[in-house]
């Protein structure tokens, strides 16, 4: 009996998340009401409020779920190894590709800039460990600025790729980002 309840809760949350993402295609979060989300999801308001406090809480939940998945992936790679760094980038791009609609919306003007900052912080936290290696004779401050520069550029490349229909393969985008990073 408990398992059935869990399945219903998961389904309700999935429907609410999908409804919000559909609405975000048309307008920013600040213009979306709980009523619209509930109508889109075919869920009543009391059900919505039993899961989330408001539309921002729902959006934060979507963002945090993605960030958690990215963090789990980033933990599996050793950035000091060039092959592993490329494999990690390929994996992340495959992940972005698999959820391209969500990323396109969250990175768009209708999304929340906070999401981009969360992605940057997650990546920076993992990459900074690489700069703590002895062969990188760089101050921690310089390393922070270097990673911010590299990550923000990579995110901009990914946003451009998403906006323009993802014509290039994930492997090609990974190579482009890697090449750009080598020259900066």
C-alpha atoms as a PDB file:
ATOM      1  CA  UNK A   1       0.000   0.000   0.000  1.00  0.00           C
ATOM      2  CA  UNK A   2       2.824   2.423   0.854  1.00  0.00           C
ATOM      3  CA  UNK A   3       4.463   1.756  -2.531  1.00  0.00           C
ATOM      4  CA  UNK A   4       1.283   2.814  -4.363  1.00  0.00           C
ATOM      5  CA  UNK A   5       1.242   6.122  -2.487  1.00  0.00           C
ATOM      6  CA  UNK A   6       4.890   6.749  -3.401  1.00  0.00           C
ATOM      7  CA  UNK A   7       4.120   6.063  -7.060  1.00  0.00           C
ATOM      8  CA  UNK A   8       1.200   8.518  -6.975  1.00  0.00           C
ATOM      9  CA  UNK A   9       3.341  11.190  -5.355  1.00  0.00           C
ATOM     10  CA  UNK A  10       6.076  10.681  -7.942  1.00  0.00           C
ATOM     11  CA  UNK A  11       3.507  10.875 -10.719  1.00  0.00           C
ATOM     12  CA  UNK A  12       1.932  14.048  -9.301  1.00  0.00           C
ATOM     13  CA  UNK A  13       5.312  15.734  -8.961  1.00  0.00           C
ATOM     14  CA  UNK A  14       6.290  14.691 -12.481  1.00  0.00           C
ATOM     15  CA  UNK A  15       3.043  16.097 -13.905  1.00  0.00           C
ATOM     16  CA  UNK A  16       3.498  19.370 -12.014  1.00  0.00           C
ATOM     17  CA  UNK A  17       7.105  19.694 -13.197  1.00  0.00           C
ATOM     18  CA  UNK A  18       6.102  19.013 -16.787  1.00  0.00           C
ATOM     19  CA  UNK A  19       3.293  21.556 -16.541  1.00  0.00           C
ATOM     20  CA  UNK A  20       5.637  24.242 -15.253  1.00  0.00           C
ATOM     21  CA  UNK A  21       8.199  23.499 -17.977  1.00  0.00           C
ATOM     22  CA  UNK A  22       5.479  23.807 -20.631  1.00  0.00           C
ATOM     23  CA  UNK A  23       4.386  27.154 -19.231  1.00  0.00           C
ATOM     24  CA  UNK A  24       7.998  28.374 -19.040  1.00  0.00           C
ATOM     25  CA  UNK A  25       8.235  27.952 -22.810  1.00  0.00           C
ATOM     26  CA  UNK A  26       5.739  30.802 -23.134  1.00  0.00           C
ATOM     27  CA  UNK A  27       6.481  33.145 -20.252  1.00  0.00           C
ATOM     28  CA  UNK A  28       8.772  33.811 -17.285  1.00  0.00           C
ATOM     29  CA  UNK A  29       8.254  32.239 -13.877  1.00  0.00           C
ATOM     30  CA  UNK A  30       7.163  35.594 -12.443  1.00  0.00           C
ATOM     31  CA  UNK A  31       4.130  35.577 -14.779  1.00  0.00           C
ATOM     32  CA  UNK A  32       3.054  32.002 -14.061  1.00  0.00           C
ATOM     33  CA  UNK A  33       0.350  31.374 -11.480  1.00  0.00           C
ATOM     34  CA  UNK A  34      -0.397  28.299  -9.394  1.00  0.00           C
ATOM     35  CA  UNK A  35      -3.802  28.188 -11.086  1.00  0.00           C
ATOM     36  CA  UNK A  36      -2.158  27.914 -14.519  1.00  0.00           C
ATOM     37  CA  UNK A  37       0.173  25.150 -13.358  1.00  0.00           C
ATOM     38  CA  UNK A  38      -2.730  23.203 -11.859  1.00  0.00           C
ATOM     39  CA  UNK A  39      -4.854  23.599 -14.983  1.00  0.00           C
ATOM     40  CA  UNK A  40      -1.953  22.494 -17.201  1.00  0.00           C
ATOM     41  CA  UNK A  41      -1.300  19.483 -14.953  1.00  0.00           C
ATOM     42  CA  UNK A  42      -4.989  18.731 -14.370  1.00  0.00           C
ATOM     43  CA  UNK A  43      -4.308  18.750 -10.620  1.00  0.00           C
ATOM     44  CA  UNK A  44      -6.215  20.698  -7.984  1.00  0.00           C
ATOM     45  CA  UNK A  45      -4.591  23.471  -5.975  1.00  0.00           C
ATOM     46  CA  UNK A  46      -4.656  21.611  -2.660  1.00  0.00           C
ATOM     47  CA  UNK A  47      -2.700  18.782  -4.284  1.00  0.00           C
ATOM     48  CA  UNK A  48      -0.171  21.293  -5.581  1.00  0.00           C
ATOM     49  CA  UNK A  49       0.250  22.811  -2.117  1.00  0.00           C
ATOM     50  CA  UNK A  50       0.725  19.388  -0.549  1.00  0.00           C
ATOM     51  CA  UNK A  51       3.922  19.105  -2.625  1.00  0.00           C
ATOM     52  CA  UNK A  52       5.218  22.669  -3.138  1.00  0.00           C
ATOM     53  CA  UNK A  53       4.813  26.049  -1.472  1.00  0.00           C
ATOM     54  CA  UNK A  54       4.634  28.027  -4.734  1.00  0.00           C
ATOM     55  CA  UNK A  55       5.798  28.069  -8.371  1.00  0.00           C
ATOM     56  CA  UNK A  56       9.301  29.149  -7.301  1.00  0.00           C
ATOM     57  CA  UNK A  57       9.590  26.162  -4.970  1.00  0.00           C
ATOM     58  CA  UNK A  58       8.579  23.894  -7.865  1.00  0.00           C
ATOM     59  CA  UNK A  59      11.157  25.517 -10.157  1.00  0.00           C
ATOM     60  CA  UNK A  60      13.853  25.228  -7.482  1.00  0.00           C
ATOM     61  CA  UNK A  61      13.002  21.543  -7.105  1.00  0.00           C
ATOM     62  CA  UNK A  62      13.450  20.996 -10.867  1.00  0.00           C
ATOM     63  CA  UNK A  63      16.757  22.881 -10.849  1.00  0.00           C
ATOM     64  CA  UNK A  64      18.066  21.060  -7.773  1.00  0.00           C
ATOM     65  CA  UNK A  65      17.199  17.672  -9.261  1.00  0.00           C
ATOM     66  CA  UNK A  66      19.287  18.497 -12.343  1.00  0.00           C
ATOM     67  CA  UNK A  67      22.175  19.878 -10.262  1.00  0.00           C
ATOM     68  CA  UNK A  68      22.169  16.755  -8.061  1.00  0.00           C
ATOM     69  CA  UNK A  69      22.374  14.547 -11.156  1.00  0.00           C
ATOM     70  CA  UNK A  70      25.210  16.687 -12.561  1.00  0.00           C
ATOM     71  CA  UNK A  71      27.092  16.527  -9.257  1.00  0.00           C
ATOM     72  CA  UNK A  72      26.820  12.739  -9.178  1.00  0.00           C
ATOM     73  CA  UNK A  73      28.243  12.566 -12.701  1.00  0.00           C
ATOM     74  CA  UNK A  74      31.058  15.011 -11.954  1.00  0.00           C
ATOM     75  CA  UNK A  75      32.210  12.945  -8.960  1.00  0.00           C
ATOM     76  CA  UNK A  76      33.030  10.016 -11.250  1.00  0.00           C
ATOM     77  CA  UNK A  77      35.808  11.758 -13.200  1.00  0.00           C
ATOM     78  CA  UNK A  78      39.419  12.754 -12.596  1.00  0.00           C
ATOM     79  CA  UNK A  79      40.002  16.173 -14.158  1.00  0.00           C
ATOM     80  CA  UNK A  80      43.774  15.799 -14.025  1.00  0.00           C
ATOM     81  CA  UNK A  81      43.538  13.165 -16.785  1.00  0.00           C
ATOM     82  CA  UNK A  82      42.825  14.792 -20.171  1.00  0.00           C
ATOM     83  CA  UNK A  83      40.991  11.699 -21.455  1.00  0.00           C
ATOM     84  CA  UNK A  84      38.762  11.640 -18.386  1.00  0.00           C
ATOM     85  CA  UNK A  85      38.075  15.368 -18.663  1.00  0.00           C
ATOM     86  CA  UNK A  86      36.939  14.836 -22.262  1.00  0.00           C
ATOM     87  CA  UNK A  87      34.871  11.787 -21.241  1.00  0.00           C
ATOM     88  CA  UNK A  88      33.263  13.861 -18.476  1.00  0.00           C
ATOM     89  CA  UNK A  89      32.450  16.652 -20.914  1.00  0.00           C
ATOM     90  CA  UNK A  90      30.971  14.125 -23.357  1.00  0.00           C
ATOM     91  CA  UNK A  91      28.864  12.616 -20.588  1.00  0.00           C
ATOM     92  CA  UNK A  92      27.595  16.040 -19.492  1.00  0.00           C
ATOM     93  CA  UNK A  93      26.728  16.973 -23.067  1.00  0.00           C
ATOM     94  CA  UNK A  94      24.872  13.674 -23.514  1.00  0.00           C
ATOM     95  CA  UNK A  95      22.981  14.476 -20.320  1.00  0.00           C
ATOM     96  CA  UNK A  96      22.147  17.972 -21.588  1.00  0.00           C
ATOM     97  CA  UNK A  97      21.083  16.454 -24.906  1.00  0.00           C
ATOM     98  CA  UNK A  98      18.825  13.909 -23.164  1.00  0.00           C
ATOM     99  CA  UNK A  99      17.086  16.746 -21.287  1.00  0.00           C
ATOM    100  CA  UNK A 100      17.584  19.429 -23.927  1.00  0.00           C
ATOM    101  CA  UNK A 101      14.072  20.876 -23.566  1.00  0.00           C
ATOM    102  CA  UNK A 102      14.573  21.445 -19.846  1.00  0.00           C
ATOM    103  CA  UNK A 103      18.012  22.974 -20.345  1.00  0.00           C
ATOM    104  CA  UNK A 104      16.838  25.158 -23.219  1.00  0.00           C
ATOM    105  CA  UNK A 105      14.016  26.506 -21.048  1.00  0.00           C
ATOM    106  CA  UNK A 106      16.072  26.875 -17.852  1.00  0.00           C
ATOM    107  CA  UNK A 107      18.879  28.688 -19.686  1.00  0.00           C
ATOM    108  CA  UNK A 108      16.402  30.927 -21.556  1.00  0.00           C
ATOM    109  CA  UNK A 109      15.092  34.319 -20.545  1.00  0.00           C
ATOM    110  CA  UNK A 110      12.004  32.557 -19.115  1.00  0.00           C
ATOM    111  CA  UNK A 111      14.129  30.444 -16.821  1.00  0.00           C
ATOM    112  CA  UNK A 112      15.902  31.695 -13.770  1.00  0.00           C
ATOM    113  CA  UNK A 113      19.482  33.037 -13.913  1.00  0.00           C
ATOM    114  CA  UNK A 114      19.974  31.297 -10.581  1.00  0.00           C
ATOM    115  CA  UNK A 115      20.053  27.983 -12.486  1.00  0.00           C
ATOM    116  CA  UNK A 116      23.052  29.082 -14.556  1.00  0.00           C
ATOM    117  CA  UNK A 117      24.810  30.118 -11.349  1.00  0.00           C
ATOM    118  CA  UNK A 118      24.021  26.752  -9.750  1.00  0.00           C
ATOM    119  CA  UNK A 119      25.505  24.937 -12.752  1.00  0.00           C
ATOM    120  CA  UNK A 120      28.596  27.158 -12.625  1.00  0.00           C
ATOM    121  CA  UNK A 121      29.069  26.612  -8.891  1.00  0.00           C
ATOM    122  CA  UNK A 122      28.703  22.824  -9.220  1.00  0.00           C
ATOM    123  CA  UNK A 123      31.251  22.665 -12.024  1.00  0.00           C
ATOM    124  CA  UNK A 124      33.647  25.067 -10.290  1.00  0.00           C
ATOM    125  CA  UNK A 125      33.584  23.057  -7.075  1.00  0.00           C
ATOM    126  CA  UNK A 126      34.663  19.916  -8.934  1.00  0.00           C
ATOM    127  CA  UNK A 127      37.179  21.580 -11.247  1.00  0.00           C
ATOM    128  CA  UNK A 128      38.895  23.558  -8.469  1.00  0.00           C
ATOM    129  CA  UNK A 129      40.177  20.257  -7.084  1.00  0.00           C
ATOM    130  CA  UNK A 130      42.270  19.956 -10.274  1.00  0.00           C
ATOM    131  CA  UNK A 131      43.912  23.316  -9.638  1.00  0.00           C
ATOM    132  CA  UNK A 132      44.969  22.192  -6.174  1.00  0.00           C
ATOM    133  CA  UNK A 133      47.391  19.724  -7.779  1.00  0.00           C
ATOM    134  CA  UNK A 134      51.125  20.659  -7.366  1.00  0.00           C
ATOM    135  CA  UNK A 135      51.773  20.907 -11.148  1.00  0.00           C
ATOM    136  CA  UNK A 136      49.398  23.901 -11.362  1.00  0.00           C
ATOM    137  CA  UNK A 137      51.431  26.755  -9.992  1.00  0.00           C
ATOM    138  CA  UNK A 138      48.510  29.106  -9.715  1.00  0.00           C
ATOM    139  CA  UNK A 139      47.070  30.962  -6.763  1.00  0.00           C
ATOM    140  CA  UNK A 140      43.659  29.892  -5.527  1.00  0.00           C
ATOM    141  CA  UNK A 141      42.248  33.280  -6.534  1.00  0.00           C
ATOM    142  CA  UNK A 142      43.603  32.965 -10.084  1.00  0.00           C
ATOM    143  CA  UNK A 143      42.318  29.388 -10.282  1.00  0.00           C
ATOM    144  CA  UNK A 144      38.822  30.526  -9.250  1.00  0.00           C
ATOM    145  CA  UNK A 145      38.762  33.220 -11.923  1.00  0.00           C
ATOM    146  CA  UNK A 146      40.144  30.816 -14.512  1.00  0.00           C
ATOM    147  CA  UNK A 147      37.454  28.225 -13.794  1.00  0.00           C
ATOM    148  CA  UNK A 148      34.666  30.839 -13.799  1.00  0.00           C
ATOM    149  CA  UNK A 149      35.919  32.104 -17.161  1.00  0.00           C
ATOM    150  CA  UNK A 150      36.136  28.607 -18.614  1.00  0.00           C
ATOM    151  CA  UNK A 151      32.808  27.398 -17.214  1.00  0.00           C
ATOM    152  CA  UNK A 152      30.839  30.493 -18.230  1.00  0.00           C
ATOM    153  CA  UNK A 153      32.260  30.224 -21.744  1.00  0.00           C
ATOM    154  CA  UNK A 154      31.364  26.530 -21.894  1.00  0.00           C
ATOM    155  CA  UNK A 155      27.821  27.239 -20.704  1.00  0.00           C
ATOM    156  CA  UNK A 156      27.461  29.962 -23.340  1.00  0.00           C
ATOM    157  CA  UNK A 157      28.608  27.514 -26.037  1.00  0.00           C
ATOM    158  CA  UNK A 158      26.070  24.962 -24.768  1.00  0.00           C
ATOM    159  CA  UNK A 159      23.293  27.584 -24.694  1.00  0.00           C
ATOM    160  CA  UNK A 160      24.117  28.559 -28.276  1.00  0.00           C
ATOM    161  CA  UNK A 161      24.132  24.896 -29.312  1.00  0.00           C
ATOM    162  CA  UNK A 162      20.711  24.359 -27.675  1.00  0.00           C
ATOM    163  CA  UNK A 163      19.212  27.526 -29.189  1.00  0.00           C
ATOM    164  CA  UNK A 164      20.373  26.589 -32.676  1.00  0.00           C
ATOM    165  CA  UNK A 165      18.923  23.097 -32.813  1.00  0.00           C
ATOM    166  CA  UNK A 166      21.875  20.992 -31.606  1.00  0.00           C
ATOM    167  CA  UNK A 167      23.083  20.366 -35.165  1.00  0.00           C
ATOM    168  CA  UNK A 168      26.536  19.343 -33.991  1.00  0.00           C
ATOM    169  CA  UNK A 169      27.038  16.051 -32.171  1.00  0.00           C
ATOM    170  CA  UNK A 170      27.873  16.008 -28.478  1.00  0.00           C
ATOM    171  CA  UNK A 171      31.367  14.748 -29.403  1.00  0.00           C
ATOM    172  CA  UNK A 172      31.899  17.716 -31.704  1.00  0.00           C
ATOM    173  CA  UNK A 173      30.746  20.226 -29.079  1.00  0.00           C
ATOM    174  CA  UNK A 174      33.024  18.559 -26.500  1.00  0.00           C
ATOM    175  CA  UNK A 175      35.983  18.911 -28.876  1.00  0.00           C
ATOM    176  CA  UNK A 176      35.091  22.558 -29.578  1.00  0.00           C
ATOM    177  CA  UNK A 177      34.868  23.397 -25.863  1.00  0.00           C
ATOM    178  CA  UNK A 178      38.132  21.549 -25.188  1.00  0.00           C
ATOM    179  CA  UNK A 179      39.925  23.375 -28.008  1.00  0.00           C
ATOM    180  CA  UNK A 180      38.651  26.753 -26.856  1.00  0.00           C
ATOM    181  CA  UNK A 181      39.735  25.976 -23.276  1.00  0.00           C
ATOM    182  CA  UNK A 182      43.245  25.079 -24.421  1.00  0.00           C
ATOM    183  CA  UNK A 183      43.664  28.453 -26.114  1.00  0.00           C
ATOM    184  CA  UNK A 184      42.418  30.583 -23.212  1.00  0.00           C
END
